[in-house]
């Protein structure tokens, strides 16, 4: 449910809410890797490029797979 909330906030342009919901879910051990996706997009939309790259680094490590598409965007 938290992922759906984060995604709705992303589409509404509420990037701070995306960051808060996603960070909280990841902190509490969510296994949904989609949080890394919406979190990186929210950071990028806020112009927080270093943070977007850092979360993609975490995503790649956790997924054990590169994310070249999201890194390029």
N, C-alpha and C. Protein backbone atom coordinates (compact mmCIF):
# COMPACT_ATOMS: atom_id res chain seq x y z
N UNK A 1 0.82 -1.18 0.00
CA UNK A 1 0.00 0.00 0.00
C UNK A 1 0.87 1.26 0.00
N UNK A 2 1.97 1.24 0.73
CA UNK A 2 2.84 2.41 0.81
C UNK A 2 3.43 2.75 -0.56
N UNK A 3 3.72 1.72 -1.36
CA UNK A 3 4.25 1.98 -2.70
C UNK A 3 3.22 2.71 -3.56
N UNK A 4 1.96 2.32 -3.46
CA UNK A 4 0.90 2.99 -4.21
C UNK A 4 0.78 4.44 -3.78
N UNK A 5 0.89 4.69 -2.49
CA UNK A 5 0.85 6.07 -1.97
C UNK A 5 2.03 6.87 -2.52
N UNK A 6 3.23 6.28 -2.49
CA UNK A 6 4.42 6.97 -3.01
C UNK A 6 4.27 7.27 -4.49
N UNK A 7 3.75 6.33 -5.24
CA UNK A 7 3.56 6.51 -6.67
C UNK A 7 2.52 7.59 -6.96
N UNK A 8 1.45 7.63 -6.18
CA UNK A 8 0.43 8.68 -6.35
C UNK A 8 1.04 10.05 -6.06
N UNK A 9 1.84 10.15 -5.01
CA UNK A 9 2.51 11.41 -4.70
C UNK A 9 3.44 11.82 -5.83
N UNK A 10 4.15 10.85 -6.41
CA UNK A 10 5.05 11.15 -7.51
C UNK A 10 4.29 11.75 -8.69
N UNK A 11 3.20 11.13 -9.06
CA UNK A 11 2.41 11.62 -10.20
C UNK A 11 1.74 12.95 -9.90
N UNK A 12 1.50 13.23 -8.64
CA UNK A 12 0.90 14.51 -8.25
C UNK A 12 1.95 15.62 -8.10
N UNK A 13 3.22 15.24 -8.17
CA UNK A 13 4.28 16.22 -8.03
C UNK A 13 4.63 16.56 -6.59
N UNK A 14 4.22 15.71 -5.67
CA UNK A 14 4.51 15.92 -4.24
C UNK A 14 5.79 15.17 -3.88
N UNK A 15 6.90 15.68 -4.34
CA UNK A 15 8.16 14.96 -4.26
C UNK A 15 8.65 14.77 -2.82
N UNK A 16 8.43 15.74 -1.96
CA UNK A 16 8.83 15.57 -0.56
C UNK A 16 8.07 14.43 0.09
N UNK A 17 6.80 14.27 -0.27
CA UNK A 17 6.00 13.17 0.28
C UNK A 17 6.49 11.82 -0.25
N UNK A 18 6.89 11.78 -1.52
CA UNK A 18 7.46 10.55 -2.10
C UNK A 18 8.69 10.14 -1.31
N UNK A 19 9.55 11.12 -1.06
CA UNK A 19 10.79 10.85 -0.34
C UNK A 19 10.49 10.33 1.07
N UNK A 20 9.57 10.98 1.75
CA UNK A 20 9.24 10.58 3.12
C UNK A 20 8.65 9.16 3.17
N UNK A 21 7.67 8.88 2.32
CA UNK A 21 7.02 7.57 2.32
C UNK A 21 8.01 6.47 1.93
N UNK A 22 8.79 6.73 0.90
CA UNK A 22 9.74 5.72 0.41
C UNK A 22 10.84 5.46 1.42
N UNK A 23 11.40 6.50 1.98
CA UNK A 23 12.47 6.34 2.98
C UNK A 23 11.97 5.55 4.18
N UNK A 24 10.74 5.88 4.63
CA UNK A 24 10.18 5.18 5.78
C UNK A 24 10.00 3.69 5.45
N UNK A 25 9.46 3.39 4.28
CA UNK A 25 9.24 1.99 3.89
C UNK A 25 10.56 1.23 3.82
N UNK A 26 11.57 1.84 3.22
CA UNK A 26 12.88 1.18 3.12
C UNK A 26 13.53 1.02 4.50
N UNK A 27 13.36 2.02 5.35
CA UNK A 27 13.93 1.94 6.70
C UNK A 27 13.31 0.78 7.48
N UNK A 28 12.02 0.52 7.24
CA UNK A 28 11.35 -0.56 7.96
C UNK A 28 11.45 -1.90 7.24
N UNK A 29 12.33 -1.97 6.22
CA UNK A 29 12.67 -3.24 5.62
C UNK A 29 11.79 -3.70 4.47
N UNK A 30 11.13 -2.79 3.80
CA UNK A 30 10.32 -3.20 2.66
C UNK A 30 11.18 -3.91 1.62
N UNK A 31 10.66 -4.98 1.09
CA UNK A 31 11.35 -5.71 0.03
C UNK A 31 10.97 -5.22 -1.36
N UNK A 32 10.11 -4.24 -1.43
CA UNK A 32 9.65 -3.71 -2.72
C UNK A 32 10.71 -2.78 -3.31
N UNK A 33 11.39 -3.24 -4.35
CA UNK A 33 12.44 -2.44 -4.97
C UNK A 33 11.89 -1.26 -5.74
N UNK A 34 10.59 -1.22 -5.94
CA UNK A 34 9.95 -0.09 -6.61
C UNK A 34 10.15 1.22 -5.85
N UNK A 35 10.35 1.13 -4.55
CA UNK A 35 10.60 2.35 -3.77
C UNK A 35 11.87 3.05 -4.25
N UNK A 36 12.88 2.28 -4.66
CA UNK A 36 14.10 2.90 -5.17
C UNK A 36 13.81 3.66 -6.46
N UNK A 37 12.94 3.10 -7.28
CA UNK A 37 12.56 3.75 -8.53
C UNK A 37 11.89 5.09 -8.27
N UNK A 38 10.83 5.09 -7.48
CA UNK A 38 10.11 6.35 -7.25
C UNK A 38 10.96 7.35 -6.48
N UNK A 39 11.79 6.84 -5.58
CA UNK A 39 12.66 7.72 -4.80
C UNK A 39 13.69 8.40 -5.69
N UNK A 40 14.30 7.64 -6.59
CA UNK A 40 15.29 8.25 -7.49
C UNK A 40 14.63 9.27 -8.40
N UNK A 41 13.41 8.99 -8.85
CA UNK A 41 12.70 9.93 -9.71
C UNK A 41 12.33 11.21 -8.96
N UNK A 42 11.90 11.07 -7.71
CA UNK A 42 11.55 12.25 -6.91
C UNK A 42 12.78 13.12 -6.68
N UNK A 43 13.89 12.49 -6.33
CA UNK A 43 15.12 13.26 -6.15
C UNK A 43 15.50 13.99 -7.43
N UNK A 44 15.43 13.30 -8.55
CA UNK A 44 15.79 13.92 -9.83
C UNK A 44 14.88 15.09 -10.15
N UNK A 45 13.58 14.93 -9.92
CA UNK A 45 12.64 16.02 -10.21
C UNK A 45 12.87 17.23 -9.32
N UNK A 46 13.43 17.01 -8.13
CA UNK A 46 13.76 18.12 -7.24
C UNK A 46 15.13 18.72 -7.55
N UNK A 47 15.82 18.15 -8.53
CA UNK A 47 17.16 18.63 -8.86
C UNK A 47 18.24 18.11 -7.94
N UNK A 48 17.92 17.10 -7.17
CA UNK A 48 18.85 16.50 -6.22
C UNK A 48 19.54 15.32 -6.89
N UNK A 49 20.39 15.63 -7.86
CA UNK A 49 20.98 14.61 -8.73
C UNK A 49 21.93 13.68 -7.96
N UNK A 50 22.73 14.23 -7.07
CA UNK A 50 23.64 13.39 -6.29
C UNK A 50 22.85 12.37 -5.46
N UNK A 51 21.75 12.81 -4.87
CA UNK A 51 20.92 11.90 -4.08
C UNK A 51 20.27 10.85 -4.96
N UNK A 52 19.85 11.25 -6.16
CA UNK A 52 19.25 10.30 -7.10
C UNK A 52 20.25 9.21 -7.47
N UNK A 53 21.49 9.62 -7.76
CA UNK A 53 22.53 8.64 -8.09
C UNK A 53 22.83 7.74 -6.89
N UNK A 54 22.86 8.30 -5.70
CA UNK A 54 23.15 7.50 -4.50
C UNK A 54 22.08 6.45 -4.27
N UNK A 55 20.80 6.81 -4.48
CA UNK A 55 19.75 5.82 -4.25
C UNK A 55 19.76 4.77 -5.34
N UNK A 56 20.17 5.15 -6.56
CA UNK A 56 20.31 4.14 -7.62
C UNK A 56 21.45 3.19 -7.29
N UNK A 57 22.52 3.71 -6.68
CA UNK A 57 23.62 2.84 -6.23
C UNK A 57 23.10 1.81 -5.23
N UNK A 58 22.29 2.27 -4.27
CA UNK A 58 21.70 1.35 -3.28
C UNK A 58 20.80 0.33 -3.96
N UNK A 59 20.00 0.81 -4.92
CA UNK A 59 19.08 -0.05 -5.65
C UNK A 59 19.84 -1.15 -6.38
N UNK A 60 20.91 -0.77 -7.09
CA UNK A 60 21.71 -1.74 -7.83
C UNK A 60 22.33 -2.78 -6.90
N UNK A 61 22.80 -2.32 -5.76
CA UNK A 61 23.41 -3.25 -4.79
C UNK A 61 22.37 -4.22 -4.25
N UNK A 62 21.20 -3.70 -3.89
CA UNK A 62 20.16 -4.55 -3.31
C UNK A 62 19.58 -5.52 -4.34
N UNK A 63 19.43 -5.05 -5.59
CA UNK A 63 18.86 -5.89 -6.64
C UNK A 63 19.90 -6.79 -7.28
N UNK A 64 21.17 -6.50 -7.02
CA UNK A 64 22.28 -7.21 -7.64
C UNK A 64 22.15 -7.17 -9.17
N UNK A 65 21.75 -5.99 -9.65
CA UNK A 65 21.56 -5.81 -11.09
C UNK A 65 21.71 -4.33 -11.42
N UNK A 66 22.38 -4.02 -12.52
CA UNK A 66 22.52 -2.61 -12.91
C UNK A 66 21.17 -2.02 -13.33
N UNK A 67 21.06 -0.71 -13.18
CA UNK A 67 19.85 0.00 -13.58
C UNK A 67 20.23 1.12 -14.56
N UNK A 68 20.76 0.76 -15.74
CA UNK A 68 21.27 1.79 -16.65
C UNK A 68 20.20 2.74 -17.16
N UNK A 69 18.98 2.26 -17.36
CA UNK A 69 17.91 3.13 -17.84
C UNK A 69 17.63 4.25 -16.85
N UNK A 70 17.45 3.88 -15.59
CA UNK A 70 17.12 4.90 -14.60
C UNK A 70 18.30 5.82 -14.33
N UNK A 71 19.50 5.30 -14.41
CA UNK A 71 20.68 6.15 -14.22
C UNK A 71 20.78 7.17 -15.36
N UNK A 72 20.46 6.73 -16.57
CA UNK A 72 20.54 7.63 -17.73
C UNK A 72 19.48 8.73 -17.64
N UNK A 73 18.29 8.36 -17.17
CA UNK A 73 17.24 9.36 -17.06
C UNK A 73 17.56 10.37 -16.00
